[in-house]
Amino acid sequence: MQQPWYKQFWPWFLISLPVTVMIVCGVIIYLAVSQGNFQMVVDDYYKRGKTINAIIEHVEEAQRRGISFEFTAQNGTLELRYKTGKPEELSALKVHFVHATQASKDFDLMMTGGADGTYRADIPENIDGKWTITVEPFDGVWKVSEKYQLPKSEFTPLRPLLYGV
């Protein structure tokens, strides 16, 4: 006499395949709902494009003026000074630090020049990682931006580059 179907191997094996797929799909859906807070779609492409063009114009203005800096960033201190294109009167500078992978680490500084022409400010002690450093004057006429692996113990050039704008 033959065994009933529920005591045989093959029906359970065939049933286990779609059940496994349903469980994996459930886990994927759960992860997508709970971890998927990514904002990859921009609502207004036209405004975003105009903003990018304005940023490019500011970088090109810094290139026309021949502005570049050199900086050190270590032990909780940022030192920044003009390498070329130093204006007659030093104005306040806005410095933006943007971390490559962790937006929660991003920060901004407002820096004023010292008597020797060097700008100094306190930064977080643990600044390890890849950062985009952007320097612009208080009035926002030009912009200098470059990517670096920090910390930097020696003075490092900071030039107005168009990549990564």
C-alpha atoms as a PDB file:
ATOM      1  CA  MET A   1       0.000   0.000   0.000  1.00  0.00           C
ATOM      2  CA  GLN A   2       1.183   3.465  -0.874  1.00  0.00           C
ATOM      3  CA  GLN A   3       1.795   6.178   1.749  1.00  0.00           C
ATOM      4  CA  PRO A   4      -0.537   9.187   1.907  1.00  0.00           C
ATOM      5  CA  TRP A   5       0.761  12.318   0.106  1.00  0.00           C
ATOM      6  CA  TYR A   6       1.561  14.247   3.307  1.00  0.00           C
ATOM      7  CA  LYS A   7       4.024  11.547   4.379  1.00  0.00           C
ATOM      8  CA  GLN A   8       6.031  11.725   1.150  1.00  0.00           C
ATOM      9  CA  PHE A   9       9.082  13.915   0.491  1.00  0.00           C
ATOM     10  CA  TRP A  10       8.300  15.478  -2.903  1.00  0.00           C
ATOM     11  CA  PRO A  11       5.057  17.323  -2.096  1.00  0.00           C
ATOM     12  CA  TRP A  12       6.728  19.035   0.899  1.00  0.00           C
ATOM     13  CA  PHE A  13       9.775  19.904  -1.154  1.00  0.00           C
ATOM     14  CA  LEU A  14       7.614  21.475  -3.884  1.00  0.00           C
ATOM     15  CA  ILE A  15       5.548  23.394  -1.293  1.00  0.00           C
ATOM     16  CA  SER A  16       8.696  24.682   0.446  1.00  0.00           C
ATOM     17  CA  LEU A  17       9.980  26.488  -2.681  1.00  0.00           C
ATOM     18  CA  PRO A  18       7.140  29.063  -3.021  1.00  0.00           C
ATOM     19  CA  VAL A  19       6.908  29.421   0.785  1.00  0.00           C
ATOM     20  CA  THR A  20      10.616  30.274   0.923  1.00  0.00           C
ATOM     21  CA  VAL A  21      10.183  32.830  -1.845  1.00  0.00           C
ATOM     22  CA  MET A  22       7.251  34.428   0.018  1.00  0.00           C
ATOM     23  CA  ILE A  23       9.305  34.693   3.232  1.00  0.00           C
ATOM     24  CA  VAL A  24      12.250  36.297   1.394  1.00  0.00           C
ATOM     25  CA  CYS A  25       9.875  38.737  -0.335  1.00  0.00           C
ATOM     26  CA  GLY A  26       8.352  39.634   3.016  1.00  0.00           C
ATOM     27  CA  VAL A  27      11.790  40.371   4.492  1.00  0.00           C
ATOM     28  CA  ILE A  28      12.727  42.511   1.470  1.00  0.00           C
ATOM     29  CA  ILE A  29       9.469  44.480   1.683  1.00  0.00           C
ATOM     30  CA  TYR A  30      10.006  45.030   5.406  1.00  0.00           C
ATOM     31  CA  LEU A  31      13.555  46.299   4.831  1.00  0.00           C
ATOM     32  CA  ALA A  32      12.431  48.579   1.998  1.00  0.00           C
ATOM     33  CA  VAL A  33       9.709  50.140   4.139  1.00  0.00           C
ATOM     34  CA  SER A  34      11.744  50.505   7.329  1.00  0.00           C
ATOM     35  CA  GLN A  35      15.144  51.454   5.834  1.00  0.00           C
ATOM     36  CA  GLY A  36      14.177  53.181   2.595  1.00  0.00           C
ATOM     37  CA  ASN A  37      14.249  56.869   3.528  1.00  0.00           C
ATOM     38  CA  PHE A  38      16.310  57.822   0.492  1.00  0.00           C
ATOM     39  CA  GLN A  39      15.475  60.992  -1.400  1.00  0.00           C
ATOM     40  CA  MET A  40      16.831  60.269  -4.831  1.00  0.00           C
ATOM     41  CA  VAL A  41      14.212  62.142  -6.843  1.00  0.00           C
ATOM     42  CA  VAL A  42      14.401  65.928  -7.134  1.00  0.00           C
ATOM     43  CA  ASP A  43      11.016  67.624  -7.357  1.00  0.00           C
ATOM     44  CA  ASP A  44      11.989  70.574  -9.535  1.00  0.00           C
ATOM     45  CA  TYR A  45      14.734  69.742 -12.026  1.00  0.00           C
ATOM     46  CA  TYR A  46      14.679  73.233 -13.554  1.00  0.00           C
ATOM     47  CA  LYS A  47      15.436  74.980 -10.246  1.00  0.00           C
ATOM     48  CA  ARG A  48      18.142  72.429  -9.454  1.00  0.00           C
ATOM     49  CA  GLY A  49      19.752  73.040 -12.854  1.00  0.00           C
ATOM     50  CA  LYS A  50      19.711  76.810 -12.330  1.00  0.00           C
ATOM     51  CA  THR A  51      21.338  76.322  -8.915  1.00  0.00           C
ATOM     52  CA  ILE A  52      24.102  74.187 -10.431  1.00  0.00           C
ATOM     53  CA  ASN A  53      24.731  76.861 -13.077  1.00  0.00           C
ATOM     54  CA  ALA A  54      24.986  79.547 -10.362  1.00  0.00           C
ATOM     55  CA  ILE A  55      27.477  77.411  -8.430  1.00  0.00           C
ATOM     56  CA  ILE A  56      29.569  76.914 -11.575  1.00  0.00           C
ATOM     57  CA  GLU A  57      29.571  80.689 -12.152  1.00  0.00           C
ATOM     58  CA  HIS A  58      30.856  81.240  -8.604  1.00  0.00           C
ATOM     59  CA  VAL A  59      33.678  78.727  -9.091  1.00  0.00           C
ATOM     60  CA  GLU A  60      34.589  80.317 -12.430  1.00  0.00           C
ATOM     61  CA  GLU A  61      34.654  83.717 -10.716  1.00  0.00           C
ATOM     62  CA  ALA A  62      37.160  82.374  -8.169  1.00  0.00           C
ATOM     63  CA  GLN A  63      39.248  81.043 -11.059  1.00  0.00           C
ATOM     64  CA  ARG A  64      39.143  84.455 -12.814  1.00  0.00           C
ATOM     65  CA  ARG A  65      40.297  86.151  -9.612  1.00  0.00           C
ATOM     66  CA  GLY A  66      43.044  83.568  -9.122  1.00  0.00           C
ATOM     67  CA  ILE A  67      41.860  82.698  -5.609  1.00  0.00           C
ATOM     68  CA  SER A  68      43.273  79.661  -3.869  1.00  0.00           C
ATOM     69  CA  PHE A  69      43.889  78.707  -0.264  1.00  0.00           C
ATOM     70  CA  GLU A  70      45.991  76.375   1.801  1.00  0.00           C
ATOM     71  CA  PHE A  71      44.805  74.764   5.005  1.00  0.00           C
ATOM     72  CA  THR A  72      45.521  72.355   7.812  1.00  0.00           C
ATOM     73  CA  ALA A  73      42.843  70.422   9.682  1.00  0.00           C
ATOM     74  CA  GLN A  74      43.951  68.419  12.707  1.00  0.00           C
ATOM     75  CA  ASN A  75      43.610  68.161  16.484  1.00  0.00           C
ATOM     76  CA  GLY A  76      40.342  70.096  16.515  1.00  0.00           C
ATOM     77  CA  THR A  77      41.731  73.144  14.693  1.00  0.00           C
ATOM     78  CA  LEU A  78      41.323  74.439  11.153  1.00  0.00           C
ATOM     79  CA  GLU A  79      43.851  76.948   9.824  1.00  0.00           C
ATOM     80  CA  LEU A  80      43.117  78.537   6.461  1.00  0.00           C
ATOM     81  CA  ARG A  81      45.031  81.213   4.565  1.00  0.00           C
ATOM     82  CA  TYR A  82      45.076  82.687   1.092  1.00  0.00           C
ATOM     83  CA  LYS A  83      47.717  81.201  -1.177  1.00  0.00           C
ATOM     84  CA  THR A  84      46.887  83.408  -4.192  1.00  0.00           C
ATOM     85  CA  GLY A  85      44.305  86.081  -4.955  1.00  0.00           C
ATOM     86  CA  LYS A  86      44.278  87.610  -1.481  1.00  0.00           C
ATOM     87  CA  PRO A  87      42.046  90.714  -1.403  1.00  0.00           C
ATOM     88  CA  GLU A  88      43.247  93.979   0.110  1.00  0.00           C
ATOM     89  CA  GLU A  89      40.677  93.767   2.894  1.00  0.00           C
ATOM     90  CA  LEU A  90      40.000  90.402   4.476  1.00  0.00           C
ATOM     91  CA  SER A  91      36.334  89.620   4.895  1.00  0.00           C
ATOM     92  CA  ALA A  92      34.604  86.846   6.781  1.00  0.00           C
ATOM     93  CA  LEU A  93      34.604  83.467   5.077  1.00  0.00           C
ATOM     94  CA  LYS A  94      31.938  80.769   5.150  1.00  0.00           C
ATOM     95  CA  VAL A  95      33.462  77.300   5.229  1.00  0.00           C
ATOM     96  CA  HIS A  96      31.276  74.221   4.638  1.00  0.00           C
ATOM     97  CA  PHE A  97      32.424  70.711   5.506  1.00  0.00           C
ATOM     98  CA  VAL A  98      30.374  67.997   3.782  1.00  0.00           C
ATOM     99  CA  HIS A  99      31.141  64.375   4.668  1.00  0.00           C
ATOM    100  CA  ALA A 100      31.137  61.955   1.735  1.00  0.00           C
ATOM    101  CA  THR A 101      28.832  59.366   3.311  1.00  0.00           C
ATOM    102  CA  GLN A 102      27.379  60.688   6.589  1.00  0.00           C
ATOM    103  CA  ALA A 103      25.241  63.812   6.289  1.00  0.00           C
ATOM    104  CA  SER A 104      24.874  63.989  10.078  1.00  0.00           C
ATOM    105  CA  LYS A 105      28.576  64.948  10.310  1.00  0.00           C
ATOM    106  CA  ASP A 106      28.274  67.982   7.987  1.00  0.00           C
ATOM    107  CA  PHE A 107      28.954  71.380   9.552  1.00  0.00           C
ATOM    108  CA  ASP A 108      29.493  75.040   8.644  1.00  0.00           C
ATOM    109  CA  LEU A 109      31.887  77.633  10.014  1.00  0.00           C
ATOM    110  CA  MET A 110      32.005  81.424   9.829  1.00  0.00           C
ATOM    111  CA  MET A 111      35.651  82.475  10.008  1.00  0.00           C
ATOM    112  CA  THR A 112      37.292  85.876  10.409  1.00  0.00           C
ATOM    113  CA  GLY A 113      40.914  86.575   9.614  1.00  0.00           C
ATOM    114  CA  GLY A 114      43.564  87.127  12.259  1.00  0.00           C
ATOM    115  CA  ALA A 115      46.182  89.893  12.221  1.00  0.00           C
ATOM    116  CA  ASP A 116      48.568  87.626  10.313  1.00  0.00           C
ATOM    117  CA  GLY A 117      45.946  86.886   7.621  1.00  0.00           C
ATOM    118  CA  THR A 118      45.290  83.345   8.828  1.00  0.00           C
ATOM    119  CA  TYR A 119      41.769  82.200   9.530  1.00  0.00           C
ATOM    120  CA  ARG A 120      41.451  79.866  12.535  1.00  0.00           C
ATOM    121  CA  ALA A 121      38.469  77.931  13.895  1.00  0.00           C
ATOM    122  CA  ASP A 122      37.637  74.945  16.061  1.00  0.00           C
ATOM    123  CA  ILE A 123      36.470  71.799  14.299  1.00  0.00           C
ATOM    124  CA  PRO A 124      35.479  68.364  15.635  1.00  0.00           C
ATOM    125  CA  GLU A 125      38.400  66.352  17.023  1.00  0.00           C
ATOM    126  CA  ASN A 126      37.493  63.226  15.046  1.00  0.00           C
ATOM    127  CA  ILE A 127      37.489  64.528  11.473  1.00  0.00           C
ATOM    128  CA  ASP A 128      38.704  61.334   9.830  1.00  0.00           C
ATOM    129  CA  GLY A 129      37.230  60.521   6.450  1.00  0.00           C
ATOM    130  CA  LYS A 130      36.565  61.943   3.020  1.00  0.00           C
ATOM    131  CA  TRP A 131      35.231  65.523   3.062  1.00  0.00           C
ATOM    132  CA  THR A 132      34.324  68.215   0.561  1.00  0.00           C
ATOM    133  CA  ILE A 133      35.559  71.583   1.827  1.00  0.00           C
ATOM    134  CA  THR A 134      33.919  74.679   0.333  1.00  0.00           C
ATOM    135  CA  VAL A 135      35.073  78.223   1.054  1.00  0.00           C
ATOM    136  CA  GLU A 136      33.144  81.300  -0.020  1.00  0.00           C
ATOM    137  CA  PRO A 137      33.124  84.940   1.056  1.00  0.00           C
ATOM    138  CA  PHE A 138      30.360  86.373   3.178  1.00  0.00           C
ATOM    139  CA  ASP A 139      28.718  87.932   0.102  1.00  0.00           C
ATOM    140  CA  GLY A 140      28.923  84.654  -1.879  1.00  0.00           C
ATOM    141  CA  VAL A 141      30.512  86.148  -5.018  1.00  0.00           C
ATOM    142  CA  TRP A 142      32.984  83.303  -5.578  1.00  0.00           C
ATOM    143  CA  LYS A 143      33.455  79.744  -4.344  1.00  0.00           C
ATOM    144  CA  VAL A 144      36.420  77.415  -3.843  1.00  0.00           C
ATOM    145  CA  SER A 145      35.706  73.727  -3.324  1.00  0.00           C
ATOM    146  CA  GLU A 146      37.703  70.516  -3.290  1.00  0.00           C
ATOM    147  CA  LYS A 147      37.548  66.983  -1.850  1.00  0.00           C
ATOM    148  CA  TYR A 148      40.066  65.747   0.715  1.00  0.00           C
ATOM    149  CA  GLN A 149      40.890  62.854   2.984  1.00  0.00           C
ATOM    150  CA  LEU A 150      41.224  64.429   6.455  1.00  0.00           C
ATOM    151  CA  PRO A 151      42.990  65.098   8.787  1.00  0.00           C
ATOM    152  CA  LYS A 152      45.760  67.145   7.132  1.00  0.00           C
ATOM    153  CA  SER A 153      48.797  68.029   9.241  1.00  0.00           C
ATOM    154  CA  GLU A 154      50.670  70.031   6.601  1.00  0.00           C
ATOM    155  CA  PHE A 155      49.363  73.003   4.638  1.00  0.00           C
ATOM    156  CA  THR A 156      47.455  71.599   1.666  1.00  0.00           C
ATOM    157  CA  PRO A 157      46.284  73.602  -1.392  1.00  0.00           C
ATOM    158  CA  LEU A 158      42.554  74.307  -1.805  1.00  0.00           C
ATOM    159  CA  ARG A 159      41.744  75.364  -5.383  1.00  0.00           C
ATOM    160  CA  PRO A 160      38.544  76.339  -7.236  1.00  0.00           C
ATOM    161  CA  LEU A 161      37.721  73.156  -9.138  1.00  0.00           C
ATOM    162  CA  LEU A 162      34.563  72.449 -11.119  1.00  0.00           C
ATOM    163  CA  TYR A 163      34.403  68.677 -10.554  1.00  0.00           C
ATOM    164  CA  GLY A 164      31.869  67.528  -7.988  1.00  0.00           C
ATOM    165  CA  VAL A 165      29.920  70.799  -8.089  1.00  0.00           C
END
